[in-house]
N, C-alpha and C. Protein backbone atom coordinates (compact mmCIF):
# COMPACT_ATOMS: atom_id res chain seq x y z
N MET A 1 6.23 6.90 -3.66
CA MET A 1 6.23 5.45 -3.64
C MET A 1 7.40 4.92 -2.81
N PHE A 2 8.57 5.61 -2.90
CA PHE A 2 9.73 5.18 -2.11
C PHE A 2 9.38 5.18 -0.62
N VAL A 3 8.59 6.15 -0.19
CA VAL A 3 8.21 6.24 1.22
C VAL A 3 7.33 5.05 1.62
N LEU A 4 6.40 4.66 0.75
CA LEU A 4 5.54 3.51 1.07
C LEU A 4 6.34 2.21 1.11
N VAL A 5 7.14 1.99 0.09
CA VAL A 5 7.97 0.78 0.05
C VAL A 5 8.95 0.80 1.23
N GLY A 6 9.60 1.93 1.42
CA GLY A 6 10.56 2.05 2.52
C GLY A 6 9.91 1.91 3.88
N GLY A 7 8.70 2.44 4.03
CA GLY A 7 7.99 2.31 5.30
C GLY A 7 7.69 0.86 5.63
N ALA A 8 7.26 0.12 4.63
CA ALA A 8 7.00 -1.32 4.84
C ALA A 8 8.29 -2.05 5.20
N GLN A 9 9.38 -1.73 4.48
CA GLN A 9 10.68 -2.35 4.79
C GLN A 9 11.13 -1.98 6.19
N TYR A 10 10.97 -0.73 6.55
CA TYR A 10 11.39 -0.18 7.84
C TYR A 10 10.71 -0.93 8.99
N LEU A 11 9.39 -1.08 8.88
CA LEU A 11 8.65 -1.77 9.94
C LEU A 11 8.97 -3.26 9.98
N PHE A 12 9.07 -3.88 8.82
CA PHE A 12 9.41 -5.30 8.75
C PHE A 12 10.80 -5.55 9.34
N ASP A 13 11.76 -4.70 8.98
CA ASP A 13 13.13 -4.81 9.47
C ASP A 13 13.18 -4.73 11.00
N ALA A 14 12.52 -3.73 11.57
CA ALA A 14 12.52 -3.56 13.03
C ALA A 14 11.83 -4.73 13.73
N ALA A 15 10.70 -5.17 13.18
CA ALA A 15 9.97 -6.30 13.78
C ALA A 15 10.80 -7.58 13.72
N MET A 16 11.41 -7.85 12.58
CA MET A 16 12.24 -9.04 12.42
C MET A 16 13.44 -8.98 13.37
N TYR A 17 14.05 -7.81 13.47
CA TYR A 17 15.20 -7.62 14.38
C TYR A 17 14.80 -7.94 15.81
N GLY A 18 13.67 -7.40 16.25
CA GLY A 18 13.19 -7.67 17.61
C GLY A 18 12.91 -9.14 17.84
N LEU A 19 12.29 -9.79 16.87
CA LEU A 19 12.01 -11.23 16.99
C LEU A 19 13.29 -12.06 17.07
N LEU A 20 14.25 -11.72 16.23
CA LEU A 20 15.51 -12.48 16.23
C LEU A 20 16.28 -12.28 17.54
N LEU A 21 16.28 -11.05 18.04
CA LEU A 21 16.93 -10.82 19.34
C LEU A 21 16.21 -11.57 20.45
N SER A 22 14.89 -11.54 20.42
CA SER A 22 14.10 -12.25 21.44
C SER A 22 14.34 -13.75 21.41
N ALA A 23 14.67 -14.26 20.22
CA ALA A 23 14.95 -15.69 20.07
C ALA A 23 16.39 -16.04 20.48
N GLY A 24 17.16 -15.03 20.87
CA GLY A 24 18.51 -15.28 21.36
C GLY A 24 19.63 -15.03 20.37
N MET A 25 19.32 -14.53 19.19
CA MET A 25 20.36 -14.25 18.20
C MET A 25 21.14 -13.01 18.62
N GLY A 26 22.39 -12.96 18.26
CA GLY A 26 23.24 -11.82 18.56
C GLY A 26 22.87 -10.60 17.72
N ILE A 27 23.34 -9.44 18.15
CA ILE A 27 23.00 -8.18 17.49
C ILE A 27 23.43 -8.15 16.02
N SER A 28 24.66 -8.49 15.74
CA SER A 28 25.15 -8.40 14.35
C SER A 28 24.40 -9.34 13.41
N PRO A 29 24.31 -10.65 13.72
CA PRO A 29 23.59 -11.52 12.79
C PRO A 29 22.10 -11.16 12.69
N ALA A 30 21.49 -10.73 13.80
CA ALA A 30 20.08 -10.34 13.75
C ALA A 30 19.88 -9.13 12.84
N ASN A 31 20.78 -8.17 12.93
CA ASN A 31 20.67 -6.97 12.10
C ASN A 31 20.85 -7.31 10.62
N ILE A 32 21.85 -8.12 10.33
CA ILE A 32 22.11 -8.49 8.93
C ILE A 32 20.95 -9.28 8.35
N LEU A 33 20.44 -10.24 9.09
CA LEU A 33 19.32 -11.05 8.60
C LEU A 33 18.05 -10.22 8.45
N ALA A 34 17.77 -9.36 9.42
CA ALA A 34 16.57 -8.52 9.34
C ALA A 34 16.64 -7.56 8.15
N ARG A 35 17.79 -6.91 7.97
CA ARG A 35 17.95 -5.99 6.83
C ARG A 35 17.87 -6.74 5.51
N GLY A 36 18.47 -7.91 5.46
CA GLY A 36 18.43 -8.70 4.22
C GLY A 36 17.02 -9.14 3.87
N SER A 37 16.27 -9.55 4.87
CA SER A 37 14.89 -9.98 4.64
C SER A 37 14.04 -8.82 4.11
N ALA A 38 14.20 -7.66 4.72
CA ALA A 38 13.44 -6.49 4.28
C ALA A 38 13.88 -6.03 2.89
N ALA A 39 15.15 -6.14 2.60
CA ALA A 39 15.68 -5.67 1.33
C ALA A 39 15.23 -6.52 0.15
N ALA A 40 14.98 -7.78 0.39
CA ALA A 40 14.62 -8.70 -0.70
C ALA A 40 13.41 -8.19 -1.48
N GLY A 41 12.36 -7.84 -0.79
CA GLY A 41 11.17 -7.32 -1.46
C GLY A 41 11.32 -5.87 -1.87
N GLY A 42 12.08 -5.12 -1.10
CA GLY A 42 12.25 -3.70 -1.38
C GLY A 42 12.94 -3.42 -2.70
N PHE A 43 13.89 -4.25 -3.07
CA PHE A 43 14.60 -4.03 -4.34
C PHE A 43 13.63 -4.08 -5.51
N LEU A 44 12.83 -5.13 -5.57
CA LEU A 44 11.91 -5.28 -6.70
C LEU A 44 10.80 -4.22 -6.66
N ALA A 45 10.29 -3.94 -5.50
CA ALA A 45 9.23 -2.92 -5.40
C ALA A 45 9.76 -1.56 -5.82
N ASN A 46 10.94 -1.20 -5.38
CA ASN A 46 11.50 0.09 -5.78
C ASN A 46 11.85 0.11 -7.26
N ARG A 47 12.36 -0.99 -7.76
CA ARG A 47 12.74 -1.04 -9.18
C ARG A 47 11.54 -0.81 -10.07
N TYR A 48 10.47 -1.54 -9.81
CA TYR A 48 9.31 -1.48 -10.69
C TYR A 48 8.34 -0.34 -10.34
N LEU A 49 8.09 -0.12 -9.07
CA LEU A 49 7.07 0.85 -8.67
C LEU A 49 7.62 2.26 -8.48
N THR A 50 8.75 2.37 -7.80
CA THR A 50 9.26 3.69 -7.46
C THR A 50 10.04 4.32 -8.60
N PHE A 51 10.94 3.57 -9.19
CA PHE A 51 11.84 4.15 -10.18
C PHE A 51 11.54 3.71 -11.61
N GLY A 52 10.45 2.96 -11.80
CA GLY A 52 9.90 2.68 -13.11
C GLY A 52 10.76 1.90 -14.09
N GLN A 53 11.59 1.00 -13.62
CA GLN A 53 12.37 0.16 -14.53
C GLN A 53 11.58 -1.10 -14.84
N ARG A 54 10.53 -0.96 -15.65
CA ARG A 54 9.64 -2.08 -15.94
C ARG A 54 10.17 -3.02 -17.01
N ASN A 55 10.89 -2.49 -17.97
CA ASN A 55 11.42 -3.37 -19.01
C ASN A 55 12.93 -3.45 -18.87
N ASP A 56 13.49 -4.46 -19.45
CA ASP A 56 14.92 -4.68 -19.31
C ASP A 56 15.58 -4.73 -20.69
N THR A 57 15.12 -3.87 -21.59
CA THR A 57 15.63 -3.90 -22.95
C THR A 57 17.09 -3.52 -23.04
N ARG A 58 17.59 -2.77 -22.08
CA ARG A 58 19.00 -2.36 -22.11
C ARG A 58 19.83 -3.10 -21.05
N GLY A 59 19.29 -4.18 -20.52
CA GLY A 59 20.04 -4.98 -19.56
C GLY A 59 20.28 -4.28 -18.23
N ARG A 60 19.34 -3.45 -17.82
CA ARG A 60 19.52 -2.67 -16.59
C ARG A 60 19.38 -3.48 -15.31
N PHE A 61 18.64 -4.58 -15.36
CA PHE A 61 18.36 -5.33 -14.13
C PHE A 61 19.64 -5.76 -13.43
N ALA A 62 20.55 -6.38 -14.15
CA ALA A 62 21.79 -6.88 -13.54
C ALA A 62 22.61 -5.75 -12.95
N GLY A 63 22.72 -4.64 -13.66
CA GLY A 63 23.46 -3.49 -13.15
C GLY A 63 22.83 -2.91 -11.91
N SER A 64 21.50 -2.77 -11.94
CA SER A 64 20.79 -2.25 -10.77
C SER A 64 20.94 -3.18 -9.58
N LEU A 65 20.85 -4.47 -9.83
CA LEU A 65 20.98 -5.44 -8.74
C LEU A 65 22.37 -5.39 -8.13
N LEU A 66 23.40 -5.32 -8.93
CA LEU A 66 24.76 -5.25 -8.42
C LEU A 66 24.97 -3.97 -7.60
N ARG A 67 24.51 -2.83 -8.12
CA ARG A 67 24.64 -1.58 -7.37
C ARG A 67 23.83 -1.64 -6.08
N PHE A 68 22.65 -2.27 -6.13
CA PHE A 68 21.83 -2.41 -4.92
C PHE A 68 22.56 -3.23 -3.86
N ILE A 69 23.17 -4.32 -4.27
CA ILE A 69 23.89 -5.18 -3.32
C ILE A 69 25.05 -4.42 -2.68
N VAL A 70 25.78 -3.65 -3.47
CA VAL A 70 26.89 -2.86 -2.93
C VAL A 70 26.36 -1.84 -1.92
N LEU A 71 25.28 -1.13 -2.29
CA LEU A 71 24.69 -0.14 -1.38
C LEU A 71 24.18 -0.82 -0.12
N TRP A 72 23.47 -1.94 -0.28
CA TRP A 72 22.93 -2.66 0.87
C TRP A 72 24.06 -3.10 1.81
N ALA A 73 25.13 -3.64 1.26
CA ALA A 73 26.24 -4.10 2.10
C ALA A 73 26.86 -2.94 2.87
N ALA A 74 27.06 -1.82 2.20
CA ALA A 74 27.66 -0.66 2.86
C ALA A 74 26.75 -0.12 3.97
N LEU A 75 25.48 0.04 3.67
CA LEU A 75 24.56 0.55 4.68
C LEU A 75 24.34 -0.46 5.81
N THR A 76 24.40 -1.74 5.49
CA THR A 76 24.28 -2.76 6.54
C THR A 76 25.47 -2.73 7.48
N ALA A 77 26.66 -2.51 6.94
CA ALA A 77 27.85 -2.39 7.78
C ALA A 77 27.73 -1.19 8.72
N VAL A 78 27.26 -0.07 8.19
CA VAL A 78 27.07 1.13 9.02
C VAL A 78 25.99 0.86 10.07
N SER A 79 24.87 0.30 9.65
CA SER A 79 23.77 0.00 10.56
C SER A 79 24.21 -0.95 11.68
N THR A 80 24.93 -1.99 11.32
CA THR A 80 25.38 -2.96 12.32
C THR A 80 26.34 -2.32 13.32
N GLY A 81 27.26 -1.50 12.82
CA GLY A 81 28.16 -0.78 13.72
C GLY A 81 27.40 0.13 14.67
N LEU A 82 26.41 0.82 14.16
CA LEU A 82 25.61 1.71 15.02
C LEU A 82 24.77 0.92 16.02
N MET A 83 24.27 -0.24 15.62
CA MET A 83 23.49 -1.05 16.56
C MET A 83 24.38 -1.61 17.67
N LEU A 84 25.61 -1.95 17.33
CA LEU A 84 26.55 -2.38 18.37
C LEU A 84 26.87 -1.21 19.31
N ALA A 85 26.97 -0.01 18.77
CA ALA A 85 27.20 1.18 19.60
C ALA A 85 26.00 1.42 20.52
N VAL A 86 24.79 1.25 19.99
CA VAL A 86 23.59 1.40 20.82
C VAL A 86 23.64 0.41 21.99
N SER A 87 24.06 -0.82 21.71
CA SER A 87 24.12 -1.82 22.78
C SER A 87 25.14 -1.44 23.84
N MET A 88 26.25 -0.84 23.42
CA MET A 88 27.28 -0.42 24.39
C MET A 88 26.81 0.77 25.21
N TRP A 89 26.12 1.71 24.58
CA TRP A 89 25.69 2.93 25.26
C TRP A 89 24.40 2.76 26.05
N LEU A 90 23.45 2.01 25.51
CA LEU A 90 22.12 1.95 26.12
C LEU A 90 21.71 0.57 26.61
N GLY A 91 22.46 -0.45 26.24
CA GLY A 91 22.15 -1.79 26.70
C GLY A 91 21.59 -2.69 25.61
N THR A 92 21.41 -3.94 25.96
CA THR A 92 20.99 -4.94 24.98
C THR A 92 19.53 -5.37 25.14
N GLU A 93 18.79 -4.72 26.00
CA GLU A 93 17.38 -5.06 26.16
C GLU A 93 16.68 -4.91 24.80
N VAL A 94 15.83 -5.86 24.47
CA VAL A 94 15.22 -5.91 23.14
C VAL A 94 14.49 -4.61 22.80
N ARG A 95 13.70 -4.08 23.72
CA ARG A 95 12.95 -2.86 23.38
C ARG A 95 13.86 -1.66 23.17
N VAL A 96 14.97 -1.62 23.86
CA VAL A 96 15.96 -0.55 23.65
C VAL A 96 16.62 -0.73 22.29
N GLN A 97 16.95 -1.95 21.96
CA GLN A 97 17.56 -2.25 20.66
C GLN A 97 16.61 -1.91 19.50
N VAL A 98 15.36 -2.27 19.64
CA VAL A 98 14.40 -1.99 18.57
C VAL A 98 14.20 -0.48 18.42
N ALA A 99 14.13 0.24 19.53
CA ALA A 99 14.00 1.70 19.47
C ALA A 99 15.23 2.30 18.78
N GLY A 100 16.41 1.81 19.15
CA GLY A 100 17.63 2.28 18.51
C GLY A 100 17.63 1.97 17.02
N LYS A 101 17.16 0.79 16.68
CA LYS A 101 17.08 0.37 15.28
C LYS A 101 16.19 1.32 14.48
N LEU A 102 15.06 1.69 15.04
CA LEU A 102 14.15 2.60 14.35
C LEU A 102 14.81 3.95 14.08
N VAL A 103 15.60 4.44 15.02
CA VAL A 103 16.30 5.73 14.83
C VAL A 103 17.39 5.58 13.78
N VAL A 104 18.22 4.56 13.92
CA VAL A 104 19.33 4.33 12.99
C VAL A 104 18.82 4.18 11.56
N GLU A 105 17.81 3.36 11.37
CA GLU A 105 17.31 3.10 10.01
C GLU A 105 16.59 4.30 9.42
N ALA A 106 15.98 5.14 10.26
CA ALA A 106 15.34 6.36 9.74
C ALA A 106 16.40 7.30 9.16
N VAL A 107 17.52 7.42 9.82
CA VAL A 107 18.60 8.27 9.32
C VAL A 107 19.19 7.69 8.04
N LEU A 108 19.41 6.38 8.02
CA LEU A 108 19.99 5.74 6.84
C LEU A 108 19.04 5.76 5.64
N ALA A 109 17.74 5.87 5.89
CA ALA A 109 16.77 5.88 4.79
C ALA A 109 16.98 7.08 3.86
N VAL A 110 17.38 8.21 4.42
CA VAL A 110 17.62 9.40 3.59
C VAL A 110 18.77 9.14 2.63
N THR A 111 19.85 8.59 3.14
CA THR A 111 21.01 8.25 2.30
C THR A 111 20.60 7.22 1.25
N SER A 112 19.85 6.22 1.67
CA SER A 112 19.42 5.16 0.77
C SER A 112 18.58 5.72 -0.39
N PHE A 113 17.69 6.65 -0.09
CA PHE A 113 16.85 7.21 -1.15
C PHE A 113 17.70 7.89 -2.22
N PHE A 114 18.58 8.78 -1.80
CA PHE A 114 19.35 9.53 -2.78
C PHE A 114 20.29 8.63 -3.58
N LEU A 115 20.92 7.67 -2.92
CA LEU A 115 21.79 6.76 -3.65
C LEU A 115 21.00 5.82 -4.55
N SER A 116 19.82 5.42 -4.11
CA SER A 116 18.97 4.57 -4.96
C SER A 116 18.51 5.33 -6.20
N LYS A 117 18.06 6.55 -5.99
CA LYS A 117 17.55 7.35 -7.10
C LYS A 117 18.63 7.69 -8.12
N HIS A 118 19.80 8.09 -7.63
CA HIS A 118 20.82 8.61 -8.54
C HIS A 118 21.89 7.59 -8.94
N TRP A 119 21.93 6.44 -8.28
CA TRP A 119 22.97 5.48 -8.62
C TRP A 119 22.42 4.08 -8.90
N VAL A 120 21.64 3.53 -7.96
CA VAL A 120 21.16 2.15 -8.11
C VAL A 120 20.19 2.02 -9.28
N PHE A 121 19.17 2.85 -9.31
CA PHE A 121 18.13 2.74 -10.32
C PHE A 121 18.21 3.85 -11.38
N ARG A 122 19.39 4.33 -11.62
CA ARG A 122 19.54 5.40 -12.61
C ARG A 122 19.04 4.91 -13.97
N THR A 123 18.47 5.82 -14.70
CA THR A 123 17.91 5.44 -16.00
C THR A 123 18.68 6.09 -17.13
């Protein structure tokens, strides 16, 4: 399930990033906004569908949300730094940036899965 949810987030993130860059937004704000937009639905889908936190009898929602925000902020900082590096090494053309984004986010997805499973949505 994490792969399905993550795949949808991955594609949405890259598409949003490309659209924002095409509209003239800078690399850093476009990356942050695209990742944030994709993460909004991903948190709830992973919480309920992937990691099975359907009830909140022990007050897990707030803790999971806080840990998710910390993880998202850390991975977004890494992603943004890498996207700026891509722009320095390969250029700022939108298709180059989107291709770089797809590579960067694929690598970060592995880290995200393990931290989500063992820390964010721990049961």
